Amino acid sequence: MLSPEQVRELLQAMCDELGVCLSGGHVERLAARPPESVEAFVDEVVRIEWEDAGLENGLRSEMEAMVSNAMARALAQAS
């Protein structure tokens, strides 16, 4: 699982690279209790950012790749 700092770094990268920027309160809530799977993490970011709006599939794929990479790095660091 991602540490709070890793969640903050991941969300900052999503903001910088993809333009998906959450407010500080949402960032801290996710950092305190991050979803444990790639899909759940991306679903939560999408829910917060777009509420009922649609999301382009290509952007979702990029988000999933970023979350997957961050989780893999966290797992490698924990080993």
PDB file of N, CA and C in Angstrom:
ATOM      1  N   MET A   1       0.843  -1.175   0.000  1.00  0.00           N
ATOM      2  CA  MET A   1       0.000   0.000   0.000  1.00  0.00           C
ATOM      3  C   MET A   1       0.888   1.238   0.000  1.00  0.00           C
ATOM      4  N   LEU A   2       0.377   2.290  -0.606  1.00  0.00           N
ATOM      5  CA  LEU A   2       1.129   3.543  -0.675  1.00  0.00           C
ATOM      6  C   LEU A   2       1.138   4.243   0.676  1.00  0.00           C
ATOM      7  N   SER A   3       2.271   4.842   0.994  1.00  0.00           N
ATOM      8  CA  SER A   3       2.371   5.658   2.205  1.00  0.00           C
ATOM      9  C   SER A   3       1.690   7.000   1.930  1.00  0.00           C
ATOM     10  N   PRO A   4       1.369   7.769   2.977  1.00  0.00           N
ATOM     11  CA  PRO A   4       0.780   9.091   2.746  1.00  0.00           C
ATOM     12  C   PRO A   4       1.643   9.976   1.836  1.00  0.00           C
ATOM     13  N   GLU A   5       2.944   9.952   2.040  1.00  0.00           N
ATOM     14  CA  GLU A   5       3.836  10.772   1.199  1.00  0.00           C
ATOM     15  C   GLU A   5       3.811  10.295  -0.257  1.00  0.00           C
ATOM     16  N   GLN A   6       3.771   8.992  -0.470  1.00  0.00           N
ATOM     17  CA  GLN A   6       3.716   8.457  -1.832  1.00  0.00           C
ATOM     18  C   GLN A   6       2.403   8.850  -2.514  1.00  0.00           C
ATOM     19  N   VAL A   7       1.306   8.868  -1.754  1.00  0.00           N
ATOM     20  CA  VAL A   7       0.023   9.299  -2.315  1.00  0.00           C
ATOM     21  C   VAL A   7       0.109  10.765  -2.723  1.00  0.00           C
ATOM     22  N   ARG A   8       0.663  11.589  -1.858  1.00  0.00           N
ATOM     23  CA  ARG A   8       0.804  13.019  -2.189  1.00  0.00           C
ATOM     24  C   ARG A   8       1.647  13.206  -3.441  1.00  0.00           C
ATOM     25  N   GLU A   9       2.767  12.472  -3.537  1.00  0.00           N
ATOM     26  CA  GLU A   9       3.636  12.572  -4.710  1.00  0.00           C
ATOM     27  C   GLU A   9       2.916  12.106  -5.970  1.00  0.00           C
ATOM     28  N   LEU A  10       2.168  11.018  -5.873  1.00  0.00           N
ATOM     29  CA  LEU A  10       1.420  10.495  -7.014  1.00  0.00           C
ATOM     30  C   LEU A  10       0.368  11.496  -7.477  1.00  0.00           C
ATOM     31  N   LEU A  11      -0.383  12.053  -6.535  1.00  0.00           N
ATOM     32  CA  LEU A  11      -1.414  13.018  -6.905  1.00  0.00           C
ATOM     33  C   LEU A  11      -0.806  14.290  -7.485  1.00  0.00           C
ATOM     34  N   GLN A  12       0.356  14.694  -6.993  1.00  0.00           N
ATOM     35  CA  GLN A  12       1.036  15.856  -7.572  1.00  0.00           C
ATOM     36  C   GLN A  12       1.487  15.546  -8.994  1.00  0.00           C
ATOM     37  N   ALA A  13       1.985  14.324  -9.224  1.00  0.00           N
ATOM     38  CA  ALA A  13       2.394  13.916 -10.575  1.00  0.00           C
ATOM     39  C   ALA A  13       1.192  13.893 -11.511  1.00  0.00           C
ATOM     40  N   MET A  14       0.044  13.400 -11.034  1.00  0.00           N
ATOM     41  CA  MET A  14      -1.167  13.400 -11.860  1.00  0.00           C
ATOM     42  C   MET A  14      -1.561  14.832 -12.219  1.00  0.00           C
ATOM     43  N   CYS A  15      -1.397  15.727 -11.284  1.00  0.00           N
ATOM     44  CA  CYS A  15      -1.724  17.131 -11.530  1.00  0.00           C
ATOM     45  C   CYS A  15      -0.761  17.724 -12.558  1.00  0.00           C
ATOM     46  N   ASP A  16       0.529  17.527 -12.330  1.00  0.00           N
ATOM     47  CA  ASP A  16       1.550  18.102 -13.214  1.00  0.00           C
ATOM     48  C   ASP A  16       1.505  17.515 -14.619  1.00  0.00           C
ATOM     49  N   GLU A  17       1.349  16.200 -14.711  1.00  0.00           N
ATOM     50  CA  GLU A  17       1.469  15.522 -15.999  1.00  0.00           C
ATOM     51  C   GLU A  17       0.156  15.355 -16.742  1.00  0.00           C
ATOM     52  N   LEU A  18      -0.960  15.220 -16.003  1.00  0.00           N
ATOM     53  CA  LEU A  18      -2.240  14.936 -16.642  1.00  0.00           C
ATOM     54  C   LEU A  18      -3.269  16.043 -16.463  1.00  0.00           C
ATOM     55  N   GLY A  19      -2.957  17.014 -15.605  1.00  0.00           N
ATOM     56  CA  GLY A  19      -3.913  18.082 -15.352  1.00  0.00           C
ATOM     57  C   GLY A  19      -5.062  17.670 -14.451  1.00  0.00           C
ATOM     58  N   VAL A  20      -4.893  16.569 -13.732  1.00  0.00           N
ATOM     59  CA  VAL A  20      -5.910  16.077 -12.801  1.00  0.00           C
ATOM     60  C   VAL A  20      -5.478  16.515 -11.409  1.00  0.00           C
ATOM     61  N   CYS A  21      -6.038  17.623 -10.941  1.00  0.00           N
ATOM     62  CA  CYS A  21      -5.578  18.248  -9.705  1.00  0.00           C
ATOM     63  C   CYS A  21      -6.691  18.263  -8.663  1.00  0.00           C
ATOM     64  N   LEU A  22      -6.442  17.639  -7.526  1.00  0.00           N
ATOM     65  CA  LEU A  22      -7.407  17.605  -6.431  1.00  0.00           C
ATOM     66  C   LEU A  22      -7.075  18.693  -5.425  1.00  0.00           C
ATOM     67  N   SER A  23      -8.080  19.142  -4.700  1.00  0.00           N
ATOM     68  CA  SER A  23      -7.852  20.139  -3.652  1.00  0.00           C
ATOM     69  C   SER A  23      -7.100  19.505  -2.487  1.00  0.00           C
ATOM     70  N   GLY A  24      -6.502  20.355  -1.661  1.00  0.00           N
ATOM     71  CA  GLY A  24      -5.705  19.870  -0.536  1.00  0.00           C
ATOM     72  C   GLY A  24      -6.456  18.945   0.402  1.00  0.00           C
ATOM     73  N   GLY A  25      -7.720  19.248   0.664  1.00  0.00           N
ATOM     74  CA  GLY A  25      -8.511  18.392   1.548  1.00  0.00           C
ATOM     75  C   GLY A  25      -8.702  17.000   0.985  1.00  0.00           C
ATOM     76  N   HIS A  26      -8.944  16.930  -0.310  1.00  0.00           N
ATOM     77  CA  HIS A  26      -9.108  15.621  -0.952  1.00  0.00           C
ATOM     78  C   HIS A  26      -7.784  14.860  -0.978  1.00  0.00           C
ATOM     79  N   VAL A  27      -6.701  15.575  -1.214  1.00  0.00           N
ATOM     80  CA  VAL A  27      -5.375  14.941  -1.213  1.00  0.00           C
ATOM     81  C   VAL A  27      -5.097  14.327   0.156  1.00  0.00           C
ATOM     82  N   GLU A  28      -5.352  15.080   1.204  1.00  0.00           N
ATOM     83  CA  GLU A  28      -5.070  14.579   2.555  1.00  0.00           C
ATOM     84  C   GLU A  28      -5.974  13.419   2.933  1.00  0.00           C
ATOM     85  N   ARG A  29      -7.228  13.453   2.485  1.00  0.00           N
ATOM     86  CA  ARG A  29      -8.134  12.334   2.774  1.00  0.00           C
ATOM     87  C   ARG A  29      -7.643  11.061   2.089  1.00  0.00           C
ATOM     88  N   LEU A  30      -7.227  11.185   0.819  1.00  0.00           N
ATOM     89  CA  LEU A  30      -6.692  10.016   0.115  1.00  0.00           C
ATOM     90  C   LEU A  30      -5.367   9.555   0.716  1.00  0.00           C
ATOM     91  N   ALA A  31      -4.539  10.500   1.156  1.00  0.00           N
ATOM     92  CA  ALA A  31      -3.252  10.139   1.765  1.00  0.00           C
ATOM     93  C   ALA A  31      -3.474   9.369   3.069  1.00  0.00           C
ATOM     94  N   ALA A  32      -4.500   9.743   3.820  1.00  0.00           N
ATOM     95  CA  ALA A  32      -4.772   9.091   5.102  1.00  0.00           C
ATOM     96  C   ALA A  32      -5.334   7.682   4.916  1.00  0.00           C
ATOM     97  N   ARG A  33      -6.131   7.482   3.871  1.00  0.00           N
ATOM     98  CA  ARG A  33      -6.759   6.181   3.630  1.00  0.00           C
ATOM     99  C   ARG A  33      -6.780   5.884   2.134  1.00  0.00           C
ATOM    100  N   PRO A  34      -5.628   5.556   1.562  1.00  0.00           N
ATOM    101  CA  PRO A  34      -5.596   5.322   0.114  1.00  0.00           C
ATOM    102  C   PRO A  34      -6.275   4.002  -0.267  1.00  0.00           C
ATOM    103  N   PRO A  35      -7.032   4.003  -1.352  1.00  0.00           N
ATOM    104  CA  PRO A  35      -7.574   2.742  -1.862  1.00  0.00           C
ATOM    105  C   PRO A  35      -6.428   1.785  -2.168  1.00  0.00           C
ATOM    106  N   GLU A  36      -6.677   0.504  -1.998  1.00  0.00           N
ATOM    107  CA  GLU A  36      -5.597  -0.477  -2.108  1.00  0.00           C
ATOM    108  C   GLU A  36      -5.373  -1.023  -3.514  1.00  0.00           C
ATOM    109  N   SER A  37      -6.320  -0.848  -4.414  1.00  0.00           N
ATOM    110  CA  SER A  37      -6.107  -1.342  -5.777  1.00  0.00           C
ATOM    111  C   SER A  37      -5.993  -0.166  -6.739  1.00  0.00           C
ATOM    112  N   VAL A  38      -5.382  -0.434  -7.888  1.00  0.00           N
ATOM    113  CA  VAL A  38      -5.232   0.591  -8.917  1.00  0.00           C
ATOM    114  C   VAL A  38      -6.609   1.102  -9.328  1.00  0.00           C
ATOM    115  N   GLU A  39      -7.525   0.190  -9.619  1.00  0.00           N
ATOM    116  CA  GLU A  39      -8.849   0.577 -10.093  1.00  0.00           C
ATOM    117  C   GLU A  39      -9.596   1.398  -9.054  1.00  0.00           C
ATOM    118  N   ALA A  40      -9.530   0.995  -7.793  1.00  0.00           N
ATOM    119  CA  ALA A  40     -10.231   1.727  -6.731  1.00  0.00           C
ATOM    120  C   ALA A  40      -9.633   3.120  -6.540  1.00  0.00           C
ATOM    121  N   PHE A  41      -8.318   3.224  -6.643  1.00  0.00           N
ATOM    122  CA  PHE A  41      -7.657   4.525  -6.501  1.00  0.00           C
ATOM    123  C   PHE A  41      -8.098   5.465  -7.620  1.00  0.00           C
ATOM    124  N   VAL A  42      -8.039   4.978  -8.853  1.00  0.00           N
ATOM    125  CA  VAL A  42      -8.432   5.797  -9.992  1.00  0.00           C
ATOM    126  C   VAL A  42      -9.922   6.134  -9.907  1.00  0.00           C
ATOM    127  N   ASP A  43     -10.745   5.173  -9.524  1.00  0.00           N
ATOM    128  CA  ASP A  43     -12.180   5.439  -9.373  1.00  0.00           C
ATOM    129  C   ASP A  43     -12.419   6.575  -8.387  1.00  0.00           C
ATOM    130  N   GLU A  44     -11.696   6.586  -7.293  1.00  0.00           N
ATOM    131  CA  GLU A  44     -11.871   7.627  -6.283  1.00  0.00           C
ATOM    132  C   GLU A  44     -11.422   8.990  -6.811  1.00  0.00           C
ATOM    133  N   VAL A  45     -10.302   9.033  -7.514  1.00  0.00           N
ATOM    134  CA  VAL A  45      -9.838  10.296  -8.098  1.00  0.00           C
ATOM    135  C   VAL A  45     -10.858  10.795  -9.120  1.00  0.00           C
ATOM    136  N   VAL A  46     -11.362   9.906  -9.949  1.00  0.00           N
ATOM    137  CA  VAL A  46     -12.362  10.275 -10.955  1.00  0.00           C
ATOM    138  C   VAL A  46     -13.619  10.796 -10.265  1.00  0.00           C
ATOM    139  N   ARG A  47     -14.072  10.117  -9.233  1.00  0.00           N
ATOM    140  CA  ARG A  47     -15.276  10.531  -8.513  1.00  0.00           C
ATOM    141  C   ARG A  47     -15.101  11.943  -7.949  1.00  0.00           C
ATOM    142  N   ILE A  48     -13.958  12.188  -7.354  1.00  0.00           N
ATOM    143  CA  ILE A  48     -13.693  13.502  -6.761  1.00  0.00           C
ATOM    144  C   ILE A  48     -13.587  14.570  -7.844  1.00  0.00           C
ATOM    145  N   GLU A  49     -12.825  14.298  -8.882  1.00  0.00           N
ATOM    146  CA  GLU A  49     -12.521  15.318  -9.897  1.00  0.00           C
ATOM    147  C   GLU A  49     -13.701  15.607 -10.827  1.00  0.00           C
ATOM    148  N   TRP A  50     -14.406  14.573 -11.232  1.00  0.00           N
ATOM    149  CA  TRP A  50     -15.425  14.771 -12.258  1.00  0.00           C
ATOM    150  C   TRP A  50     -16.854  14.555 -11.779  1.00  0.00           C
ATOM    151  N   GLU A  51     -17.022  14.055 -10.570  1.00  0.00           N
ATOM    152  CA  GLU A  51     -18.362  13.760 -10.047  1.00  0.00           C
ATOM    153  C   GLU A  51     -19.149  12.978 -11.097  1.00  0.00           C
ATOM    154  N   ASP A  52     -20.045  13.598 -11.826  1.00  0.00           N
ATOM    155  CA  ASP A  52     -20.894  12.885 -12.784  1.00  0.00           C
ATOM    156  C   ASP A  52     -20.441  13.024 -14.230  1.00  0.00           C
ATOM    157  N   ALA A  53     -19.361  13.748 -14.453  1.00  0.00           N
ATOM    158  CA  ALA A  53     -18.893  13.959 -15.828  1.00  0.00           C
ATOM    159  C   ALA A  53     -18.208  12.699 -16.355  1.00  0.00           C
ATOM    160  N   GLY A  54     -18.206  12.559 -17.653  1.00  0.00           N
ATOM    161  CA  GLY A  54     -17.523  11.425 -18.275  1.00  0.00           C
ATOM    162  C   GLY A  54     -16.024  11.635 -18.275  1.00  0.00           C
ATOM    163  N   LEU A  55     -15.291  10.575 -18.466  1.00  0.00           N
ATOM    164  CA  LEU A  55     -13.829  10.642 -18.502  1.00  0.00           C
ATOM    165  C   LEU A  55     -13.332   9.949 -19.751  1.00  0.00           C
ATOM    166  N   GLU A  56     -12.455  10.610 -20.439  1.00  0.00           N
ATOM    167  CA  GLU A  56     -11.840  10.065 -21.640  1.00  0.00           C
ATOM    168  C   GLU A  56     -11.054   8.793 -21.272  1.00  0.00           C
ATOM    169  N   ASN A  57     -11.253   7.718 -22.030  1.00  0.00           N
ATOM    170  CA  ASN A  57     -10.603   6.441 -21.733  1.00  0.00           C
ATOM    171  C   ASN A  57      -9.082   6.533 -21.732  1.00  0.00           C
ATOM    172  N   GLY A  58      -8.511   7.329 -22.619  1.00  0.00           N
ATOM    173  CA  GLY A  58      -7.060   7.455 -22.676  1.00  0.00           C
ATOM    174  C   GLY A  58      -6.497   8.054 -21.402  1.00  0.00           C
ATOM    175  N   LEU A  59      -7.187   9.057 -20.849  1.00  0.00           N
ATOM    176  CA  LEU A  59      -6.744   9.668 -19.604  1.00  0.00           C
ATOM    177  C   LEU A  59      -6.847   8.678 -18.455  1.00  0.00           C
ATOM    178  N   ARG A  60      -7.924   7.911 -18.409  1.00  0.00           N
ATOM    179  CA  ARG A  60      -8.073   6.904 -17.357  1.00  0.00           C
ATOM    180  C   ARG A  60      -6.934   5.884 -17.441  1.00  0.00           C
ATOM    181  N   SER A  61      -6.577   5.467 -18.632  1.00  0.00           N
ATOM    182  CA  SER A  61      -5.480   4.504 -18.814  1.00  0.00           C
ATOM    183  C   SER A  61      -4.162   5.080 -18.313  1.00  0.00           C
ATOM    184  N   GLU A  62      -3.921   6.360 -18.602  1.00  0.00           N
ATOM    185  CA  GLU A  62      -2.699   7.003 -18.112  1.00  0.00           C
ATOM    186  C   GLU A  62      -2.695   7.070 -16.585  1.00  0.00           C
ATOM    187  N   MET A  63      -3.850   7.392 -16.008  1.00  0.00           N
ATOM    188  CA  MET A  63      -3.953   7.443 -14.550  1.00  0.00           C
ATOM    189  C   MET A  63      -3.699   6.066 -13.943  1.00  0.00           C
ATOM    190  N   GLU A  64      -4.280   5.032 -14.538  1.00  0.00           N
ATOM    191  CA  GLU A  64      -4.087   3.670 -14.036  1.00  0.00           C
ATOM    192  C   GLU A  64      -2.615   3.267 -14.103  1.00  0.00           C
ATOM    193  N   ALA A  65      -1.935   3.633 -15.171  1.00  0.00           N
ATOM    194  CA  ALA A  65      -0.515   3.307 -15.304  1.00  0.00           C
ATOM    195  C   ALA A  65       0.304   4.009 -14.225  1.00  0.00           C
ATOM    196  N   MET A  66      -0.018   5.282 -13.952  1.00  0.00           N
ATOM    197  CA  MET A  66       0.723   6.023 -12.916  1.00  0.00           C
ATOM    198  C   MET A  66       0.502   5.398 -11.538  1.00  0.00           C
ATOM    199  N   VAL A  67      -0.734   5.047 -11.223  1.00  0.00           N
ATOM    200  CA  VAL A  67      -1.029   4.442  -9.916  1.00  0.00           C
ATOM    201  C   VAL A  67      -0.370   3.075  -9.804  1.00  0.00           C
ATOM    202  N   SER A  68      -0.435   2.290 -10.861  1.00  0.00           N
ATOM    203  CA  SER A  68       0.184   0.967 -10.854  1.00  0.00           C
ATOM    204  C   SER A  68       1.694   1.067 -10.618  1.00  0.00           C
ATOM    205  N   ASN A  69       2.345   1.998 -11.296  1.00  0.00           N
ATOM    206  CA  ASN A  69       3.789   2.189 -11.115  1.00  0.00           C
ATOM    207  C   ASN A  69       4.119   2.634  -9.693  1.00  0.00           C
ATOM    208  N   ALA A  70       3.326   3.544  -9.151  1.00  0.00           N
ATOM    209  CA  ALA A  70       3.576   4.017  -7.785  1.00  0.00           C
ATOM    210  C   ALA A  70       3.402   2.889  -6.778  1.00  0.00           C
ATOM    211  N   MET A  71       2.374   2.066  -6.969  1.00  0.00           N
ATOM    212  CA  MET A  71       2.154   0.937  -6.053  1.00  0.00           C
ATOM    213  C   MET A  71       3.271  -0.092  -6.167  1.00  0.00           C
ATOM    214  N   ALA A  72       3.762  -0.331  -7.369  1.00  0.00           N
ATOM    215  CA  ALA A  72       4.862  -1.275  -7.564  1.00  0.00           C
ATOM    216  C   ALA A  72       6.130  -0.770  -6.877  1.00  0.00           C
ATOM    217  N   ARG A  73       6.400   0.536  -6.992  1.00  0.00           N
ATOM    218  CA  ARG A  73       7.576   1.105  -6.313  1.00  0.00           C
ATOM    219  C   ARG A  73       7.431   0.999  -4.794  1.00  0.00           C
ATOM    220  N   ALA A  74       6.227   1.259  -4.279  1.00  0.00           N
ATOM    221  CA  ALA A  74       5.994   1.162  -2.835  1.00  0.00           C
ATOM    222  C   ALA A  74       6.222  -0.253  -2.349  1.00  0.00           C
ATOM    223  N   LEU A  75       5.752  -1.225  -3.114  1.00  0.00           N
ATOM    224  CA  LEU A  75       5.921  -2.632  -2.749  1.00  0.00           C
ATOM    225  C   LEU A  75       7.407  -3.002  -2.767  1.00  0.00           C
ATOM    226  N   ALA A  76       8.124  -2.540  -3.770  1.00  0.00           N
ATOM    227  CA  ALA A  76       9.566  -2.832  -3.864  1.00  0.00           C
ATOM    228  C   ALA A  76      10.334  -2.204  -2.705  1.00  0.00           C
ATOM    229  N   GLN A  77       9.936  -0.999  -2.304  1.00  0.00           N
ATOM    230  CA  GLN A  77      10.606  -0.340  -1.178  1.00  0.00           C
ATOM    231  C   GLN A  77      10.316  -1.028   0.143  1.00  0.00           C
ATOM    232  N   ALA A  78       9.134  -1.623   0.248  1.00  0.00           N
ATOM    233  CA  ALA A  78       8.737  -2.298   1.492  1.00  0.00           C
ATOM    234  C   ALA A  78       9.450  -3.637   1.654  1.00  0.00           C
ATOM    235  N   SER A  79       9.950  -4.197   0.553  1.00  0.00           N
ATOM    236  CA  SER A  79      10.591  -5.524   0.594  1.00  0.00           C
ATOM    237  C   SER A  79      12.000  -5.450   1.122  1.00  0.00           C
TER     238      SER A  79
END
